[in-house]
Structure formats: C-alpha cells, structure tokens
Amino acid sequence: MNTYRLIRVIGLSILLTTSILSGYAQLDQLKEGEVIASIKKANTYWQLNHPEPGTASWNNAAYHTGNLKAYKLTREKAYLHFSEVWAKKNSWKGATSEDTSEWKYDYGESPEYVLFGDWQTCFQVYCDLYKLDPDPHKIARARQVMEYQMGTPQNDYWWWVDGLYMVMPVMTRLYSITLDELYLEKLYEYFSYSRDLLYDPEAGLFYRDSKYVYPKHKTVKGLKDFWSRGNGWSFAAFARVLEDLPLDDPHREEYITIYKKMAASLSGLQQPEGFWTRSLMDPEQAPGPETSGTAFFTFGYLWGINNGILDAEKYRETISKSWRYLTETALQDDGRLGYVQPIGERAIPGQIIDINSTSDFGVGAFLLAASEMVEYIRKH
C-alpha cells in the first residue's frame, strides 16, 4: 500500500471512529427533559392542527397507539382526552356493520370490512383506554369481533405485513384482560400464515404482501424489495406483542428469534444520516429520508433494549443515529414531523417527500420511539 493510500485509510478510520464516538457521546448526554420536550412539541402541533376526531381506521388508530404511550409517560391530560374523544366519536368500534354474514377481510373501507385488520387497529387503543379506566363497554365490540373471527376456520386474515402491527397487539391485549388462551393460540396461527407467506428468513425481513415476493418482484436494480414502513410495522408489532405475551407462551422464543434477526438485518441497512430509505435494500429505488419506518425501527430497538431482549451496546450507535435524524431533521421547529411517506404500500420511484410530508401514523410512531427513549435514559 503506497503512502497516500495508507494516509487516506487512516484518515477515514479516524473519521469513522470520531463519528461513532460522537454518536455515543450525544446519547450519553441526552436528557430526559429534552426528549419529553420533543414529545410535547410534536404532539401539541399535531393535536392543535387536527382537532377533529377522525375515523377508526388504521392511520388514526396508529396515531393513538403513540398518543396513549405518550400519555402514560407524561400524564398530560390533554393526550388522554384526545384519545377518549376519538374513541367515543367512533362508538368504540372499527368497521360498523352488524350483519356477520357480510363481514369481509380483504381490502375495503366500507362498513362490512369488519374483519379487515385496518379496522381492528383501534381495538388496541380501546384496550389501553380500558386498562386505564375499566369499563366493559370500551372493549365490547373488540371482543365481539375478535371472538367471532376466532370462531371461523380461516387463518389467512393477515395477508399483508401491516396487519401484524394492526392486530397482533390487539390479541395480546385482549388476552391480558380476559385471560382467554384462545387469543394466544389464534395469534400464533394467524402469524404463522403471515410468516410463511411474507417472511424471508435469509434477509430477516418481511415483504409487504405476496405481490412483492422476490423474484416475482424486484427493485429497479433487480434486488429484493423490502418496504421500510412495512418492516417498521412488523418490527414494532413484536415489541408491542411481547409486552403482554406471557413469559411461558410456547411461541415466545420464535417471536423473539425473528425480532432479533430483524434487528440485526435492519442495523446493516441504516443510512449514515440515521434514516432508512423506503426500499431497504435499494436506496436508489426511492432515495432520501423517510420518517415513519425510521421511527418504528427506533421504537422497536429501544423497546427491545429496555426490556433486555436486544443488546444495548450492539445497537447503541443505531439508535443514536436514528434519534439524531428524527429530532434534528424530521422534527421541525414548529413541531411538524416531516419526511413521512404518504399512505401507500411500497417505495415509489420518483415520489417526492419533504419537510411538509406528515401524517398521523408517522406522528404516532415518533411518540412511541420518544417515549421509549425516555425509558432508555432512565435505565442507562
């Protein structure tokens, strides 16, 4: 190796080491109050600018999963009130059809899609509200729908990866309330269908749905196309499921094994700036930052570390970089959370997202991540 190349290699090594140490230092110096301030900045902006309760569909419900986690941390009564008003406006229901003969679970937004997971996400919020102030009415519809579903012979309810976040935590939450083992049995049965259909064990990641399974579908460069937010949904789902899953559940170790494999895979795909691109393995498919996937990944890492499942030292730099991105690039001075990919199902070449690109589910993901960051600071 000539002298110039040797100096260049040494210089790059010093820069890399300095970057890593700087990331560690920032994480070590992060204060609980700073993180809580970021929670309040993002959530106040969202609630002031979106005062009307939305529908019970997945995007609104995903926001409320984060809002309630932020409430449990901060005890800001406005957060609890915001979710309670939303739940009451939607009559503690998802899709509203009462005729079980017309209930469906393929994609749909009308009242008969009661068994479609996008309309069941709200049930985990209702369960959380129930746990804060028990009243059987709050979970009556959730129990009616899920117990009807568990009585059917079908197991292919979660045919798209988002469904793992939408419904897996519903089943563990309802188990924690009812202690009905059928919720855990059906959880694994439905998950097994999704795993066999969508999980790539070599990559340690999930395809969005069967349309995107390699080699039938490829990125523009011919690579496997793993959508960032889709894997964010699944990675976060494991954290929220393990929260309520009994330690002696016979399938707990399988969930943890996949969770750990995802953590290892995702860490290697993070961009130097701290975010993950929309197509995880092909950044050129849709280049640039994206916040919703990044926030869900950050939450998943932090929850796993805080609960002794993921190794803190191994992923310290990963969460340091992603937190810097979330708070220094994505979160704007006025509280808007930018660079959130709009509702969709894949990394779309040419789609532009910027500081004005925001959405409810992205804010919810940020609130989940920030709340876990406070717990991380308290434990470290």
Protein backbone atom coordinates (compact mmCIF):
# COMPACT_ATOMS: atom_id res chain seq x y z
CA MET A 1 0.00 0.00 0.00
CA ASN A 2 1.52 3.38 -1.03
CA THR A 3 1.88 6.25 1.43
CA TYR A 4 -1.07 8.23 0.03
CA ARG A 5 -3.47 5.29 0.30
CA LEU A 6 -2.25 4.49 3.80
CA ILE A 7 -2.84 8.08 4.95
CA ARG A 8 -6.29 8.05 3.32
CA VAL A 9 -7.29 4.78 5.04
CA ILE A 10 -6.06 6.07 8.40
CA GLY A 11 -7.95 9.31 7.87
CA LEU A 12 -11.20 7.52 7.02
CA SER A 13 -10.78 5.28 10.06
CA ILE A 14 -10.34 8.32 12.30
CA LEU A 15 -13.44 9.98 10.81
CA LEU A 16 -15.50 6.83 11.32
CA THR A 17 -14.30 6.39 14.89
CA THR A 18 -14.95 10.06 15.64
CA SER A 19 -18.46 9.76 14.21
CA ILE A 20 -19.22 6.71 16.32
CA LEU A 21 -17.82 8.26 19.49
CA SER A 22 -19.74 11.46 18.78
CA GLY A 23 -22.93 9.42 18.47
CA TYR A 24 -22.22 7.67 21.74
CA ALA A 25 -21.49 10.97 23.44
CA GLN A 26 -24.75 12.51 22.24
CA LEU A 27 -26.74 9.54 23.51
CA ASP A 28 -24.91 9.64 26.86
CA GLN A 29 -25.59 13.36 27.18
CA LEU A 30 -29.24 13.21 26.17
CA LYS A 31 -31.50 14.48 28.92
CA GLU A 32 -34.94 13.17 29.82
CA GLY A 33 -36.35 16.68 29.71
CA GLU A 34 -35.12 17.20 26.14
CA VAL A 35 -36.91 14.09 24.94
CA ILE A 36 -40.13 14.96 26.75
CA ALA A 37 -39.93 18.40 25.17
CA SER A 38 -39.75 16.78 21.72
CA ILE A 39 -42.81 14.67 22.57
CA LYS A 40 -44.76 17.76 23.59
CA LYS A 41 -43.59 19.73 20.57
CA ALA A 42 -44.67 17.06 18.08
CA ASN A 43 -47.91 16.11 19.83
CA THR A 44 -49.06 19.64 20.56
CA TYR A 45 -48.54 20.57 16.92
CA TRP A 46 -50.50 17.56 15.74
CA GLN A 47 -53.44 17.97 18.10
CA LEU A 48 -53.76 21.73 17.57
CA ASN A 49 -53.75 21.29 13.81
CA HIS A 50 -56.04 18.24 13.75
CA PRO A 51 -58.63 18.94 16.45
CA GLU A 52 -61.47 16.92 14.92
CA PRO A 53 -61.62 13.19 15.77
CA GLY A 54 -61.02 11.08 12.70
CA THR A 55 -62.46 7.72 11.75
CA ALA A 56 -61.49 4.49 13.48
CA SER A 57 -59.35 3.42 10.54
CA TRP A 58 -55.74 2.27 10.90
CA ASN A 59 -53.98 5.57 10.28
CA ASN A 60 -55.83 7.42 13.03
CA ALA A 61 -55.62 4.41 15.34
CA ALA A 62 -51.86 4.10 14.80
CA TYR A 63 -51.50 7.71 15.93
CA HIS A 64 -53.48 6.97 19.09
CA THR A 65 -51.25 3.99 19.95
CA GLY A 66 -48.42 6.51 20.22
CA ASN A 67 -50.52 9.22 21.84
CA LEU A 68 -51.54 6.92 24.69
CA LYS A 69 -47.97 5.76 25.22
CA ALA A 70 -47.00 9.44 25.46
CA TYR A 71 -49.84 9.97 27.94
CA LYS A 72 -48.66 7.12 30.16
CA LEU A 73 -45.22 8.71 30.24
CA THR A 74 -46.10 12.39 30.62
CA ARG A 75 -49.56 12.19 32.25
CA GLU A 76 -50.65 15.11 30.06
CA LYS A 77 -54.43 15.01 30.49
CA ALA A 78 -54.95 16.59 27.06
CA TYR A 79 -53.47 13.47 25.44
CA LEU A 80 -55.84 11.14 27.26
CA HIS A 81 -58.80 13.39 26.49
CA PHE A 82 -57.86 13.46 22.80
CA SER A 83 -57.96 9.66 22.55
CA GLU A 84 -61.12 9.34 24.65
CA VAL A 85 -62.98 11.81 22.43
CA TRP A 86 -61.86 9.87 19.36
CA ALA A 87 -62.97 6.52 20.82
CA LYS A 88 -66.37 7.86 21.85
CA LYS A 89 -66.90 9.53 18.47
CA ASN A 90 -66.36 6.12 16.87
CA SER A 91 -68.62 4.38 19.43
CA TRP A 92 -65.71 2.14 20.50
CA LYS A 93 -65.99 0.34 17.15
CA GLY A 94 -63.99 -0.20 13.99
CA ALA A 95 -66.00 -1.00 10.87
CA THR A 96 -69.62 -0.77 11.91
CA SER A 97 -71.64 -3.48 10.14
CA GLU A 98 -73.72 -5.63 12.49
CA ASP A 99 -74.57 -8.28 9.87
CA THR A 100 -71.95 -11.00 10.31
CA SER A 101 -72.96 -12.61 7.01
CA GLU A 102 -71.45 -9.67 5.13
CA TRP A 103 -68.24 -9.28 7.17
CA LYS A 104 -65.08 -9.32 4.99
CA TYR A 105 -61.32 -9.27 5.47
CA ASP A 106 -59.86 -8.37 2.11
CA TYR A 107 -59.10 -4.70 1.46
CA GLY A 108 -62.01 -2.33 1.94
CA GLU A 109 -63.06 0.89 3.64
CA SER A 110 -66.82 0.43 3.89
CA PRO A 111 -68.78 -0.80 6.97
CA GLU A 112 -68.74 -4.50 6.09
CA TYR A 113 -64.91 -4.84 6.31
CA VAL A 114 -65.14 -5.67 9.99
CA LEU A 115 -62.61 -8.50 9.79
CA PHE A 116 -60.04 -6.48 7.83
CA GLY A 117 -57.17 -5.67 10.18
CA ASP A 118 -57.06 -1.99 9.27
CA TRP A 119 -60.40 -1.66 11.07
CA GLN A 120 -59.18 -3.62 14.09
CA THR A 121 -56.16 -1.45 14.98
CA CYS A 122 -58.48 0.75 17.03
CA PHE A 123 -59.18 -2.17 19.36
CA GLN A 124 -55.68 -1.99 20.86
CA VAL A 125 -56.33 1.67 21.68
CA TYR A 126 -59.67 0.80 23.25
CA CYS A 127 -57.92 -1.90 25.29
CA ASP A 128 -55.36 0.62 26.52
CA LEU A 129 -58.16 3.03 27.48
CA TYR A 130 -59.95 0.17 29.23
CA LYS A 131 -56.84 -0.62 31.27
CA LEU A 132 -56.63 3.00 32.39
CA ASP A 133 -60.29 3.06 33.44
CA PRO A 134 -62.03 -0.34 33.13
CA ASP A 135 -65.50 -0.35 31.63
CA PRO A 136 -66.69 -3.42 29.68
CA HIS A 137 -68.39 -1.20 27.11
CA LYS A 138 -64.99 0.01 25.86
CA ILE A 139 -63.94 -3.43 24.66
CA ALA A 140 -67.35 -4.99 23.97
CA ARG A 141 -67.12 -4.53 20.20
CA ALA A 142 -63.48 -5.62 20.16
CA ARG A 143 -64.38 -8.84 21.91
CA GLN A 144 -67.44 -9.41 19.71
CA VAL A 145 -65.41 -9.05 16.51
CA MET A 146 -62.30 -10.95 17.55
CA GLU A 147 -64.22 -13.78 19.18
CA TYR A 148 -66.36 -14.15 16.07
CA GLN A 149 -63.21 -14.18 13.93
CA MET A 150 -61.52 -16.78 16.14
CA GLY A 151 -64.58 -18.99 15.69
CA THR A 152 -64.08 -19.17 11.92
CA PRO A 153 -61.89 -21.81 10.21
CA GLN A 154 -59.88 -19.23 8.22
CA ASN A 155 -56.32 -18.40 9.24
CA ASP A 156 -55.31 -16.04 6.38
CA TYR A 157 -56.53 -12.82 7.97
CA TRP A 158 -53.09 -11.12 7.93
CA TRP A 159 -52.20 -11.31 4.26
CA TRP A 160 -50.21 -8.03 4.27
CA VAL A 161 -47.40 -7.14 6.65
CA ASP A 162 -49.09 -4.05 8.09
CA GLY A 163 -51.66 -6.40 9.61
CA LEU A 164 -49.08 -7.63 12.11
CA TYR A 165 -49.00 -4.23 13.80
CA MET A 166 -52.69 -3.64 13.29
CA VAL A 167 -53.91 -6.79 15.04
CA MET A 168 -51.23 -8.81 16.83
CA PRO A 169 -51.20 -6.38 19.80
CA VAL A 170 -55.00 -6.46 19.87
CA MET A 171 -54.90 -10.17 20.61
CA THR A 172 -52.29 -9.98 23.36
CA ARG A 173 -54.07 -7.04 24.96
CA LEU A 174 -57.40 -8.85 24.94
CA TYR A 175 -55.66 -11.91 26.38
CA SER A 176 -54.20 -9.78 29.19
CA ILE A 177 -57.71 -8.59 30.03
CA THR A 178 -59.73 -11.81 29.55
CA LEU A 179 -57.02 -14.48 30.16
CA ASP A 180 -58.67 -16.45 27.34
CA GLU A 181 -55.89 -18.65 25.90
CA LEU A 182 -57.65 -18.81 22.54
CA TYR A 183 -56.36 -15.31 21.79
CA LEU A 184 -52.76 -16.55 22.02
CA GLU A 185 -53.46 -19.72 20.07
CA LYS A 186 -55.09 -17.83 17.22
CA LEU A 187 -52.39 -15.16 17.37
CA TYR A 188 -49.79 -17.80 16.52
CA GLU A 189 -51.99 -19.47 13.92
CA TYR A 190 -52.58 -16.20 12.07
CA PHE A 191 -48.95 -15.12 12.47
CA SER A 192 -47.73 -18.45 11.08
CA TYR A 193 -49.71 -17.85 7.91
CA SER A 194 -48.12 -14.40 7.52
CA ARG A 195 -44.65 -15.70 8.29
CA ASP A 196 -44.86 -18.44 5.68
CA LEU A 197 -46.25 -16.04 3.08
CA LEU A 198 -44.15 -12.91 3.67
CA TYR A 199 -41.06 -13.56 5.77
CA ASP A 200 -37.70 -14.00 4.05
CA PRO A 201 -35.54 -15.86 6.60
CA GLU A 202 -32.35 -15.22 4.62
CA ALA A 203 -32.85 -11.46 4.69
CA GLY A 204 -34.58 -11.42 8.06
CA LEU A 205 -37.24 -9.09 6.68
CA PHE A 206 -40.87 -9.15 5.55
CA TYR A 207 -42.32 -8.43 2.12
CA ARG A 208 -45.29 -6.10 2.10
CA ASP A 209 -47.60 -8.71 0.56
CA SER A 210 -47.40 -11.61 -1.90
CA LYS A 211 -47.16 -9.25 -4.91
CA TYR A 212 -43.70 -8.17 -3.77
CA VAL A 213 -42.08 -11.53 -3.06
CA TYR A 214 -38.73 -12.00 -4.83
CA PRO A 215 -38.04 -12.98 -7.60
CA LYS A 216 -41.57 -12.30 -8.88
CA HIS A 217 -40.99 -8.67 -7.96
CA LYS A 218 -37.65 -6.83 -7.92
CA THR A 219 -36.39 -3.31 -7.39
CA VAL A 220 -35.18 -1.24 -10.35
CA LYS A 221 -31.72 -2.71 -9.71
CA GLY A 222 -33.04 -6.28 -9.55
CA LEU A 223 -32.85 -6.58 -5.76
CA LYS A 224 -35.30 -7.81 -3.14
CA ASP A 225 -37.75 -5.02 -2.41
CA PHE A 226 -38.40 -4.70 1.32
CA TRP A 227 -40.55 -1.68 2.11
CA SER A 228 -39.33 0.34 5.06
CA ARG A 229 -42.64 1.19 6.73
CA GLY A 230 -43.92 -2.35 6.18
CA ASN A 231 -40.97 -3.71 8.12
CA GLY A 232 -41.45 -0.92 10.62
CA TRP A 233 -44.98 -2.18 11.25
CA SER A 234 -43.73 -5.73 11.84
CA PHE A 235 -40.69 -4.80 13.95
CA ALA A 236 -42.83 -2.58 16.19
CA ALA A 237 -45.50 -5.28 16.34
CA PHE A 238 -43.12 -7.72 18.02
CA ALA A 239 -42.31 -5.16 20.69
CA ARG A 240 -45.97 -4.45 21.42
CA VAL A 241 -46.85 -8.15 21.45
CA LEU A 242 -44.00 -9.20 23.75
CA GLU A 243 -45.18 -6.51 26.17
CA ASP A 244 -48.25 -8.59 27.06
CA LEU A 245 -47.24 -12.08 25.98
CA PRO A 246 -46.77 -14.48 28.92
CA LEU A 247 -43.17 -15.49 29.57
CA ASP A 248 -44.16 -19.14 29.30
CA ASP A 249 -46.00 -18.81 25.99
CA PRO A 250 -44.79 -21.75 23.84
CA HIS A 251 -44.15 -19.47 20.84
CA ARG A 252 -42.48 -16.59 22.63
CA GLU A 253 -38.97 -17.67 21.62
CA GLU A 254 -39.94 -17.83 17.96
CA TYR A 255 -41.25 -14.28 18.05
CA ILE A 256 -38.05 -13.17 19.79
CA THR A 257 -35.84 -15.00 17.29
CA ILE A 258 -37.43 -13.22 14.33
CA TYR A 259 -37.39 -9.92 16.23
CA LYS A 260 -33.65 -10.27 16.86
CA LYS A 261 -32.98 -11.30 13.26
CA MET A 262 -34.85 -8.22 12.04
CA ALA A 263 -32.83 -6.02 14.39
CA ALA A 264 -29.55 -7.36 13.01
CA SER A 265 -30.67 -7.02 9.40
CA LEU A 266 -32.08 -3.52 9.77
CA SER A 267 -29.00 -2.18 11.51
CA GLY A 268 -26.89 -3.01 8.47
CA LEU A 269 -29.30 -1.18 6.16
CA GLN A 270 -29.41 2.12 8.03
CA GLN A 271 -28.09 5.10 6.10
CA PRO A 272 -25.17 7.12 7.52
CA GLU A 273 -27.53 10.03 8.20
CA GLY A 274 -29.59 7.84 10.53
CA PHE A 275 -32.69 7.16 8.46
CA TRP A 276 -33.75 4.11 6.45
CA THR A 277 -34.74 4.60 2.83
CA ARG A 278 -38.13 3.47 1.59
CA SER A 279 -36.75 0.41 -0.20
CA LEU A 280 -34.42 -1.01 2.42
CA MET A 281 -32.00 -2.88 0.17
CA ASP A 282 -32.10 -0.50 -2.79
CA PRO A 283 -31.75 3.12 -1.65
CA GLU A 284 -31.81 4.28 -5.29
CA GLN A 285 -35.36 2.97 -5.70
CA ALA A 286 -36.68 5.97 -3.74
CA PRO A 287 -33.74 7.89 -2.28
CA GLY A 288 -33.76 10.28 0.62
CA PRO A 289 -35.03 10.25 4.20
CA GLU A 290 -38.26 8.65 5.39
CA THR A 291 -39.58 9.11 8.90
CA SER A 292 -42.34 6.59 9.58
CA GLY A 293 -40.22 3.49 9.03
CA THR A 294 -37.30 5.10 10.86
CA ALA A 295 -39.47 5.97 13.86
CA PHE A 296 -40.97 2.49 14.11
CA PHE A 297 -37.49 0.95 13.89
CA THR A 298 -36.22 3.30 16.60
CA PHE A 299 -39.13 2.32 18.84
CA GLY A 300 -38.51 -1.38 18.18
CA TYR A 301 -34.82 -1.13 19.04
CA LEU A 302 -35.40 0.92 22.17
CA TRP A 303 -38.17 -1.30 23.50
CA GLY A 304 -36.04 -4.40 22.94
CA ILE A 305 -33.06 -2.84 24.71
CA ASN A 306 -35.16 -1.52 27.58
CA ASN A 307 -36.65 -4.96 28.14
CA GLY A 308 -33.42 -6.94 27.93
CA ILE A 309 -34.13 -8.64 24.62
CA LEU A 310 -31.81 -6.65 22.33
CA ASP A 311 -28.19 -5.89 23.19
CA ALA A 312 -27.76 -2.25 24.20
CA GLU A 313 -24.11 -1.97 23.21
CA LYS A 314 -24.64 -3.65 19.84
CA TYR A 315 -27.36 -1.20 18.78
CA ARG A 316 -26.26 1.91 20.63
CA GLU A 317 -24.93 3.63 17.51
CA THR A 318 -28.01 2.60 15.51
CA ILE A 319 -30.42 4.31 17.89
CA SER A 320 -28.10 7.28 18.35
CA LYS A 321 -28.06 7.97 14.62
CA SER A 322 -31.78 7.39 14.12
CA TRP A 323 -32.64 9.62 17.08
CA ARG A 324 -30.48 12.41 15.68
CA TYR A 325 -32.29 12.10 12.36
CA LEU A 326 -35.74 12.11 13.98
CA THR A 327 -35.11 15.15 16.16
CA GLU A 328 -32.70 17.18 14.05
CA THR A 329 -34.03 16.54 10.53
CA ALA A 330 -37.57 15.16 10.70
CA LEU A 331 -38.95 17.23 13.59
CA GLN A 332 -39.33 20.86 12.54
CA ASP A 333 -39.10 23.90 14.80
CA ASP A 334 -42.88 24.36 14.81
CA GLY A 335 -43.49 20.71 15.78
CA ARG A 336 -44.39 19.34 12.36
CA LEU A 337 -42.89 15.88 11.75
CA GLY A 338 -41.64 15.86 8.17
CA TYR A 339 -40.46 13.34 5.59
CA VAL A 340 -43.31 10.89 6.27
CA GLN A 341 -44.13 8.82 3.20
CA PRO A 342 -47.86 9.19 2.41
CA ILE A 343 -50.27 6.28 2.66
CA GLY A 344 -49.15 3.58 0.24
CA GLU A 345 -47.65 0.13 0.10
CA ARG A 346 -44.19 0.38 -1.47
CA ALA A 347 -41.21 2.54 -2.33
CA ILE A 348 -42.36 4.50 -5.36
CA PRO A 349 -39.62 5.75 -7.74
CA GLY A 350 -39.93 9.48 -8.24
CA GLN A 351 -42.24 10.10 -5.29
CA ILE A 352 -41.15 13.26 -3.50
CA ILE A 353 -41.39 13.59 0.27
CA ASP A 354 -40.10 16.63 2.15
CA ILE A 355 -40.41 18.59 5.38
CA ASN A 356 -44.09 19.20 4.68
CA SER A 357 -44.86 15.48 4.26
CA THR A 358 -46.51 14.49 7.53
CA SER A 359 -49.21 12.11 8.68
CA ASP A 360 -50.95 10.82 11.78
CA PHE A 361 -49.35 7.38 11.79
CA GLY A 362 -45.89 8.94 11.44
CA VAL A 363 -46.50 11.11 14.49
CA GLY A 364 -47.75 8.05 16.38
CA ALA A 365 -44.54 6.19 15.52
CA PHE A 366 -42.45 9.13 16.71
CA LEU A 367 -44.34 9.26 20.02
CA LEU A 368 -43.71 5.54 20.55
CA ALA A 369 -40.00 5.98 19.87
CA ALA A 370 -39.62 9.11 22.01
CA SER A 371 -41.45 7.54 24.94
CA GLU A 372 -39.12 4.54 24.83
CA MET A 373 -36.13 6.88 24.60
CA VAL A 374 -37.14 8.37 27.95
CA GLU A 375 -37.21 4.86 29.42
CA TYR A 376 -33.78 4.19 27.90
CA ILE A 377 -32.34 7.31 29.54
CA ARG A 378 -33.83 6.33 32.89
CA LYS A 379 -32.25 2.88 32.68
CA HIS A 380 -28.87 3.97 31.39
